[in-house]
Amino acid sequence: MGELHAARQRHLSQFFTPDAIARLMWGAVDSWRPGRKVSVLDKSVGSARLLQFADPAAHTLYGVDVHEPAIAAVQQCVEAAGFEGSFRMAGMEEIHPRHFDVAIINPPFSIHLESPHLQPFGCTTWGRFGANSSALSHEYALAQALEAAQVVVALLPTSFVDRFANVLDHRDAHSTAARRLVGIFDLPASAFREEGATVHTSIAVFGRYRMGRVVRQAHGDFTVPLPELDLNVDDRHFHEPRLNHQVLDDTGPAIMRPVTSQKRVRIANDGRRIVLGFECGFVEAMVRNRLFERRILPLDGQRLPHGMRYAGSGRLDLEAYLVQDDPMAALDSLLRLIREAGGVPGWHRASWSILGSGCGVARARRHPCGTPSGRPA
């Protein structure tokens, strides 16, 4: 794995999958013909070797890659061949793919990903952009593919496959992979010799869910196709596949406040909105990342309320607290999140009095209204 990683580093993580291995991987899903076009995603598409066996009458193709010349060439070839689909210059950390039928991936191994746009999977950890902003590339690629597609065919380090192959604990970071794993095919160490690397890899196949035992076997003869597996696919089609490209504005820092090590976070209100005041730029970044969590996008045919750009935007809506059964307990959860992010919350006195009276009104509305005090006459 070290040789493969080093070679990938020299080539912008572009590492060609041998045609024989690409054919094996494609064969795992080639027989699925649901009477409509099957959407196929490759999240590090390179020269599109994993997609070369697709049929424009049966498949739509999607992919991303960080190498602009490669993605431009692939887009041109795919369009010329009559395929429908979309290709973008982006890394896997910049997309939130959804509603795909198949993801077929040979991700870069052991590349350290850092992005505020990482989805919060079990494999993500604390990074320089806050919680769930750091991950290893092959672990994140698998988790993201499982989130995006019904069926996943992945070329992975055998050592990584061994980590989740027999996982039974649902709390494990790779429990989703373990539940959906239907087949493992261990390739010889010489499989990538023509690419200049000796590495132990395995083809892992994942269905929507697994009914029986995992099929595991060594597969050294690349002319023999993989055995047919029960993938439990759903032939129905509900949503259009989407890459959901997340754009990161790196023209300059979003927070200009100096780093002062002052942890105080002032909490006040501006009408119905809770506003936060900071004295340290680092604390501001940590707290805002913790509260807002991630960017959200409207689903097909839906529209988000004005100003709702993040999953945690509602945490700064005062009225959301006033309608809770216990508004003060709900506010305590906001304070707890600020503390977990490293801040020390403190209420502005005027805002606290306004909030306290508002909570009193909210409680009174839950009691009989025979008299102004809320007690029955």
Protein backbone atom coordinates (compact mmCIF):
# COMPACT_ATOMS: atom_id res chain seq x y z
CA MET A 1 0.00 0.00 0.00
CA GLY A 2 2.93 2.32 0.68
CA GLU A 3 4.20 2.00 -2.90
CA LEU A 4 0.76 2.68 -4.34
CA HIS A 5 0.31 5.69 -2.07
CA ALA A 6 3.70 7.09 -3.10
CA ALA A 7 2.90 6.63 -6.77
CA ARG A 8 -0.45 8.35 -6.34
CA GLN A 9 1.26 11.29 -4.62
CA ARG A 10 3.55 11.71 -7.62
CA HIS A 11 0.59 11.77 -10.02
CA LEU A 12 -1.96 14.01 -8.22
CA SER A 13 -3.62 10.83 -6.90
CA GLN A 14 -4.32 9.78 -10.52
CA PHE A 15 -3.55 6.06 -10.70
CA PHE A 16 -4.84 3.98 -13.57
CA THR A 17 -6.85 0.86 -12.83
CA PRO A 18 -5.64 -2.00 -15.04
CA ASP A 19 -8.22 -2.88 -17.68
CA ALA A 20 -8.55 -6.45 -16.43
CA ILE A 21 -9.44 -5.27 -12.91
CA ALA A 22 -11.81 -2.63 -14.29
CA ARG A 23 -13.61 -5.37 -16.23
CA LEU A 24 -13.92 -7.49 -13.10
CA MET A 25 -15.40 -4.61 -11.12
CA TRP A 26 -17.83 -3.63 -13.86
CA GLY A 27 -18.94 -7.24 -14.21
CA ALA A 28 -20.33 -7.16 -10.67
CA VAL A 29 -23.12 -4.80 -11.78
CA ASP A 30 -23.31 -5.28 -15.54
CA SER A 31 -26.23 -7.70 -15.35
CA TRP A 32 -28.51 -5.21 -13.56
CA ARG A 33 -30.96 -4.03 -16.22
CA PRO A 34 -34.05 -2.56 -14.50
CA GLY A 35 -35.79 -1.37 -17.68
CA ARG A 36 -34.39 2.15 -17.32
CA LYS A 37 -30.95 3.72 -17.44
CA VAL A 38 -28.73 2.91 -14.46
CA SER A 39 -26.86 5.90 -13.04
CA VAL A 40 -23.18 5.19 -12.35
CA LEU A 41 -20.80 7.34 -10.30
CA ASP A 42 -16.98 7.34 -10.15
CA LYS A 43 -15.68 9.86 -7.59
CA SER A 44 -12.05 9.81 -8.75
CA VAL A 45 -12.69 9.19 -12.40
CA GLY A 46 -9.20 9.82 -13.83
CA SER A 47 -9.25 8.56 -17.42
CA ALA A 48 -12.61 6.78 -16.82
CA ARG A 49 -11.23 3.26 -17.04
CA LEU A 50 -13.83 2.02 -14.59
CA LEU A 51 -16.59 3.38 -16.85
CA GLN A 52 -15.23 2.14 -20.18
CA PHE A 53 -17.59 -0.84 -20.37
CA ALA A 54 -20.79 1.22 -19.94
CA ASP A 55 -23.51 1.25 -22.60
CA PRO A 56 -25.07 4.62 -23.56
CA ALA A 57 -28.41 2.88 -24.01
CA ALA A 58 -28.33 1.43 -20.49
CA HIS A 59 -26.27 3.79 -18.32
CA THR A 60 -25.86 7.44 -17.39
CA LEU A 61 -22.38 8.41 -16.21
CA TYR A 62 -21.24 10.84 -13.54
CA GLY A 63 -17.82 11.60 -12.15
CA VAL A 64 -15.46 14.06 -10.53
CA ASP A 65 -11.70 14.44 -10.55
CA VAL A 66 -9.19 17.01 -9.35
CA HIS A 67 -7.21 16.93 -12.61
CA GLU A 68 -8.76 19.44 -15.02
CA PRO A 69 -7.25 18.10 -18.31
CA ALA A 70 -8.43 14.58 -17.46
CA ILE A 71 -11.97 15.61 -16.59
CA ALA A 72 -12.24 17.75 -19.74
CA ALA A 73 -11.07 14.87 -21.94
CA VAL A 74 -13.44 12.41 -20.27
CA GLN A 75 -16.39 14.78 -20.65
CA GLN A 76 -15.65 15.19 -24.35
CA CYS A 77 -15.34 11.45 -24.95
CA VAL A 78 -18.47 10.61 -22.98
CA GLU A 79 -20.55 13.15 -24.87
CA ALA A 80 -19.17 11.94 -28.20
CA ALA A 81 -20.17 8.38 -27.30
CA GLY A 82 -23.77 9.46 -26.69
CA PHE A 83 -23.88 9.16 -22.89
CA GLU A 84 -26.00 11.34 -20.63
CA GLY A 85 -24.55 12.50 -17.32
CA SER A 86 -22.27 15.07 -15.76
CA PHE A 87 -18.58 15.43 -14.94
CA ARG A 88 -17.00 18.11 -12.77
CA MET A 89 -13.53 19.15 -11.73
CA ALA A 90 -13.74 18.56 -7.98
CA GLY A 91 -12.46 16.31 -5.25
CA MET A 92 -14.64 13.83 -3.41
CA GLU A 93 -14.53 16.18 -0.40
CA GLU A 94 -16.32 18.84 -2.49
CA ILE A 95 -19.44 16.87 -3.43
CA HIS A 96 -22.44 15.44 -1.59
CA PRO A 97 -23.70 12.86 -4.14
CA ARG A 98 -27.22 11.49 -3.83
CA HIS A 99 -29.67 9.12 -5.54
CA PHE A 100 -27.24 7.02 -7.61
CA ASP A 101 -27.80 3.41 -8.55
CA VAL A 102 -24.14 2.35 -8.66
CA ALA A 103 -20.88 3.79 -7.38
CA ILE A 104 -17.79 2.12 -8.79
CA ILE A 105 -14.64 3.47 -7.17
CA ASN A 106 -10.90 3.06 -6.94
CA PRO A 107 -10.19 5.92 -4.52
CA PRO A 108 -6.79 7.32 -3.60
CA PHE A 109 -5.38 5.49 -0.61
CA SER A 110 -4.32 7.21 2.62
CA ILE A 111 -4.58 10.80 1.36
CA HIS A 112 -5.43 13.14 4.22
CA LEU A 113 -8.61 15.12 3.44
CA GLU A 114 -9.37 18.44 5.14
CA SER A 115 -12.52 20.35 4.21
CA PRO A 116 -15.48 22.04 5.92
CA HIS A 117 -17.67 20.27 3.35
CA LEU A 118 -16.94 16.71 4.51
CA GLN A 119 -20.09 14.84 5.39
CA PRO A 120 -20.22 13.67 9.03
CA PHE A 121 -19.59 9.93 8.68
CA GLY A 122 -18.16 7.56 11.26
CA CYS A 123 -14.71 7.88 9.68
CA THR A 124 -14.52 11.69 9.93
CA THR A 125 -12.62 13.30 12.78
CA TRP A 126 -11.81 16.70 14.18
CA GLY A 127 -9.79 18.83 11.75
CA ARG A 128 -8.70 22.39 11.24
CA PHE A 129 -12.23 23.32 10.12
CA GLY A 130 -13.82 21.85 13.24
CA ALA A 131 -15.71 18.64 13.92
CA ASN A 132 -16.04 16.10 11.07
CA SER A 133 -13.70 18.04 8.77
CA SER A 134 -10.86 15.51 8.46
CA ALA A 135 -10.66 11.95 7.10
CA LEU A 136 -8.52 9.45 5.21
CA SER A 137 -9.39 9.37 1.53
CA HIS A 138 -10.18 5.67 1.08
CA GLU A 139 -12.29 5.49 4.24
CA TYR A 140 -14.24 8.61 3.35
CA ALA A 141 -14.67 7.53 -0.28
CA LEU A 142 -16.33 4.29 0.81
CA ALA A 143 -18.63 5.93 3.37
CA GLN A 144 -19.65 8.58 0.86
CA ALA A 145 -20.32 6.00 -1.86
CA LEU A 146 -22.49 3.93 0.48
CA GLU A 147 -24.47 7.06 1.32
CA ALA A 148 -24.90 7.94 -2.37
CA ALA A 149 -25.67 4.65 -4.13
CA GLN A 150 -27.65 1.42 -3.88
CA VAL A 151 -24.69 -0.68 -5.02
CA VAL A 152 -21.01 0.02 -4.46
CA VAL A 153 -18.07 -1.76 -6.06
CA ALA A 154 -14.83 -0.57 -4.50
CA LEU A 155 -11.16 -1.39 -4.93
CA LEU A 156 -9.68 -0.99 -1.44
CA PRO A 157 -6.60 -1.91 0.60
CA THR A 158 -7.08 -5.43 1.94
CA SER A 159 -6.00 -4.25 5.39
CA PHE A 160 -8.90 -1.79 5.42
CA VAL A 161 -11.41 -4.37 4.21
CA ASP A 162 -10.31 -6.69 7.03
CA ARG A 163 -11.22 -3.98 9.55
CA PHE A 164 -14.94 -3.98 8.70
CA ALA A 165 -15.48 -7.44 7.17
CA ASN A 166 -16.60 -9.02 10.44
CA VAL A 167 -17.89 -6.00 12.36
CA LEU A 168 -21.05 -6.72 14.37
CA ASP A 169 -21.20 -3.66 16.62
CA HIS A 170 -23.56 -1.03 15.16
CA ARG A 171 -21.55 1.66 16.98
CA ASP A 172 -18.44 0.91 14.95
CA ALA A 173 -17.35 3.62 12.50
CA HIS A 174 -17.69 1.18 9.59
CA SER A 175 -20.89 -0.60 10.66
CA THR A 176 -22.78 0.53 7.53
CA ALA A 177 -20.14 -1.04 5.31
CA ALA A 178 -20.29 -4.25 7.33
CA ARG A 179 -24.09 -4.48 7.07
CA ARG A 180 -24.13 -3.99 3.30
CA LEU A 181 -21.05 -6.04 2.39
CA VAL A 182 -21.94 -9.03 0.20
CA GLY A 183 -18.63 -10.03 -1.39
CA ILE A 184 -14.85 -9.67 -1.00
CA PHE A 185 -12.42 -10.76 -3.70
CA ASP A 186 -8.77 -10.59 -2.69
CA LEU A 187 -6.44 -9.75 -5.57
CA PRO A 188 -2.80 -10.87 -5.81
CA ALA A 189 -0.10 -8.40 -4.75
CA SER A 190 1.05 -8.28 -8.38
CA ALA A 191 -2.28 -6.86 -9.59
CA PHE A 192 -0.82 -3.35 -9.93
CA ARG A 193 2.65 -4.39 -11.07
CA GLU A 194 2.15 -2.85 -14.51
CA GLU A 195 1.52 0.47 -12.72
CA GLY A 196 4.75 0.16 -10.76
CA ALA A 197 3.40 -0.92 -7.38
CA THR A 198 3.11 -4.09 -5.34
CA VAL A 199 0.11 -3.80 -3.06
CA HIS A 200 -2.50 -6.04 -1.45
CA THR A 201 -5.95 -4.94 -2.61
CA SER A 202 -9.45 -6.38 -2.62
CA ILE A 203 -12.62 -5.76 -4.59
CA ALA A 204 -15.44 -5.21 -2.10
CA VAL A 205 -19.04 -5.37 -3.33
CA PHE A 206 -21.92 -3.84 -1.34
CA GLY A 207 -25.64 -4.23 -1.95
CA ARG A 208 -28.57 -2.33 -0.45
CA TYR A 209 -28.49 -4.86 2.38
CA ARG A 210 -27.19 -8.37 2.99
CA MET A 211 -29.42 -11.39 3.54
CA GLY A 212 -26.82 -14.15 3.92
CA ARG A 213 -23.14 -14.66 4.55
CA VAL A 214 -20.37 -12.63 2.95
CA VAL A 215 -18.74 -14.35 -0.02
CA ARG A 216 -14.96 -14.10 0.31
CA GLN A 217 -12.42 -15.70 -1.96
CA ALA A 218 -9.06 -15.09 -3.61
CA HIS A 219 -9.31 -14.08 -7.24
CA GLY A 220 -6.11 -14.40 -9.21
CA ASP A 221 -7.39 -15.17 -12.71
CA PHE A 222 -8.63 -11.87 -14.14
CA THR A 223 -10.14 -13.59 -17.18
CA VAL A 224 -12.73 -15.27 -14.93
CA PRO A 225 -15.61 -12.96 -13.95
CA LEU A 226 -16.67 -12.52 -10.34
CA PRO A 227 -19.48 -14.80 -9.15
CA GLU A 228 -22.99 -13.38 -9.24
CA LEU A 229 -24.02 -11.84 -5.92
CA ASP A 230 -27.41 -11.02 -4.39
CA LEU A 231 -27.38 -7.20 -4.29
CA ASN A 232 -31.05 -6.70 -3.31
CA VAL A 233 -31.39 -3.74 -5.67
CA ASP A 234 -34.52 -1.64 -6.09
CA ASP A 235 -35.46 -1.28 -9.76
CA ARG A 236 -37.69 1.73 -9.07
CA HIS A 237 -36.54 5.28 -9.74
CA PHE A 238 -37.56 8.13 -7.42
CA HIS A 239 -35.04 10.97 -7.75
CA GLU A 240 -32.57 12.27 -10.29
CA PRO A 241 -28.93 11.61 -9.36
CA ARG A 242 -27.09 14.70 -8.17
CA LEU A 243 -23.43 15.46 -7.46
CA ASN A 244 -24.26 18.48 -5.25
CA HIS A 245 -20.98 20.28 -5.76
CA GLN A 246 -20.03 22.33 -2.70
CA VAL A 247 -18.12 25.51 -3.52
CA LEU A 248 -15.50 26.73 -1.05
CA ASP A 249 -14.59 30.41 -1.30
CA ASP A 250 -10.85 30.48 -0.65
CA THR A 251 -10.22 34.03 -1.89
CA GLY A 252 -9.71 35.12 1.70
CA PRO A 253 -10.59 34.25 5.29
CA ALA A 254 -14.27 34.36 6.20
CA ILE A 255 -13.41 35.46 9.75
CA MET A 256 -11.14 38.49 10.06
CA ARG A 257 -11.20 38.75 13.85
CA PRO A 258 -7.75 38.35 15.47
CA VAL A 259 -6.91 35.32 17.61
CA THR A 260 -6.84 36.55 21.22
CA SER A 261 -7.48 33.35 23.24
CA GLN A 262 -10.52 35.05 24.80
CA LYS A 263 -13.17 32.34 25.01
CA ARG A 264 -16.15 34.48 25.95
CA VAL A 265 -19.19 34.22 23.64
CA ARG A 266 -21.79 36.95 24.19
CA ILE A 267 -25.37 35.88 23.45
CA ALA A 268 -27.96 38.53 22.60
CA ASN A 269 -31.05 38.86 20.43
CA ASP A 270 -31.94 40.94 17.41
CA GLY A 271 -35.67 40.52 17.05
CA ARG A 272 -36.35 36.81 16.64
CA ARG A 273 -32.71 35.99 15.91
CA ILE A 274 -30.09 35.00 18.46
CA VAL A 275 -26.82 36.79 17.70
CA LEU A 276 -23.39 35.78 18.96
CA GLY A 277 -20.50 38.08 19.82
CA PHE A 278 -16.88 36.95 19.91
CA GLU A 279 -13.54 38.34 21.03
CA CYS A 280 -11.37 35.65 19.40
CA GLY A 281 -11.47 34.63 15.75
CA PHE A 282 -10.43 31.04 16.48
CA VAL A 283 -13.21 30.60 19.05
CA GLU A 284 -15.68 32.13 16.58
CA ALA A 285 -14.70 29.62 13.88
CA MET A 286 -14.95 26.66 16.24
CA VAL A 287 -18.32 27.71 17.67
CA ARG A 288 -19.92 28.55 14.33
CA ASN A 289 -18.74 25.28 12.77
CA ARG A 290 -20.16 23.37 15.74
CA LEU A 291 -23.53 25.12 15.64
CA PHE A 292 -24.10 25.22 11.88
CA GLU A 293 -22.74 21.68 11.23
CA ARG A 294 -22.93 21.59 7.41
CA ARG A 295 -24.28 23.33 4.34
CA ILE A 296 -27.70 22.17 3.16
CA LEU A 297 -29.24 22.23 -0.30
CA PRO A 298 -32.93 22.07 -1.28
CA LEU A 299 -34.24 18.72 -2.44
CA ASP A 300 -35.78 18.31 -5.86
CA GLY A 301 -38.89 20.47 -6.16
CA GLN A 302 -38.46 22.02 -2.71
CA ARG A 303 -37.38 25.43 -1.48
CA LEU A 304 -35.62 26.32 1.75
CA PRO A 305 -36.85 29.18 3.97
CA HIS A 306 -35.03 32.46 3.49
CA GLY A 307 -31.70 32.48 5.31
CA MET A 308 -31.60 28.72 5.95
CA ARG A 309 -28.22 27.75 4.52
CA TYR A 310 -26.94 25.36 7.18
CA ALA A 311 -28.30 22.36 9.07
CA GLY A 312 -27.96 24.22 12.38
CA SER A 313 -29.44 27.57 11.31
CA GLY A 314 -32.53 26.93 13.45
CA ARG A 315 -30.39 26.97 16.59
CA LEU A 316 -30.25 30.77 16.29
CA ASP A 317 -34.02 31.21 15.86
CA LEU A 318 -35.49 32.44 19.16
CA GLU A 319 -39.02 31.35 18.30
CA ALA A 320 -37.83 27.77 17.84
CA TYR A 321 -36.98 27.72 21.55
CA LEU A 322 -40.19 29.42 22.67
CA VAL A 323 -42.36 26.65 21.21
CA GLN A 324 -40.50 23.87 23.03
CA ASP A 325 -42.05 22.12 26.02
CA ASP A 326 -39.16 23.42 28.11
CA PRO A 327 -37.61 26.48 26.41
CA MET A 328 -34.91 26.90 29.05
CA ALA A 329 -33.77 23.29 28.69
CA ALA A 330 -33.63 23.78 24.92
CA LEU A 331 -31.49 26.88 25.43
CA ASP A 332 -29.22 24.89 27.71
CA SER A 333 -28.50 22.60 24.75
CA LEU A 334 -27.31 25.65 22.78
CA LEU A 335 -25.01 26.66 25.63
CA ARG A 336 -23.70 23.11 25.86
CA LEU A 337 -22.75 23.09 22.17
CA ILE A 338 -20.89 26.39 22.60
CA ARG A 339 -18.96 24.97 25.55
CA GLU A 340 -18.12 21.78 23.64
CA ALA A 341 -16.64 23.94 20.88
CA GLY A 342 -14.38 25.73 23.35
CA GLY A 343 -16.42 28.86 24.08
CA VAL A 344 -17.66 30.27 27.39
CA PRO A 345 -21.23 31.51 26.80
CA GLY A 346 -22.67 34.54 28.57
CA TRP A 347 -26.06 36.21 28.11
CA HIS A 348 -26.49 39.91 27.44
CA ARG A 349 -28.59 41.15 30.38
CA ALA A 350 -31.28 42.87 28.30
CA SER A 351 -31.65 39.86 26.03
CA TRP A 352 -31.89 37.53 29.02
CA SER A 353 -34.81 39.52 30.47
CA ILE A 354 -36.58 39.53 27.11
CA LEU A 355 -36.02 35.80 26.71
CA GLY A 356 -37.19 35.09 30.25
CA SER A 357 -40.45 36.95 29.71
CA GLY A 358 -40.90 35.19 26.37
CA CYS A 359 -40.45 31.80 28.00
CA GLY A 360 -43.03 32.77 30.60
CA VAL A 361 -45.52 33.59 27.86
CA ALA A 362 -44.75 30.30 26.13
CA ARG A 363 -45.47 28.38 29.33
CA ALA A 364 -48.67 30.31 30.03
CA ARG A 365 -50.06 29.41 26.62
CA ARG A 366 -49.94 25.74 27.54
CA HIS A 367 -52.31 26.23 30.50
CA PRO A 368 -56.08 26.92 30.48
CA CYS A 369 -56.76 30.54 29.62
CA GLY A 370 -59.90 31.23 31.71
CA THR A 371 -58.07 34.07 33.45
CA PRO A 372 -55.00 36.13 32.51
CA SER A 373 -52.94 34.16 35.01
CA GLY A 374 -53.72 30.92 33.23
CA ARG A 375 -55.74 29.46 36.13
CA PRO A 376 -59.35 28.39 35.54
CA ALA A 377 -61.95 30.79 37.02
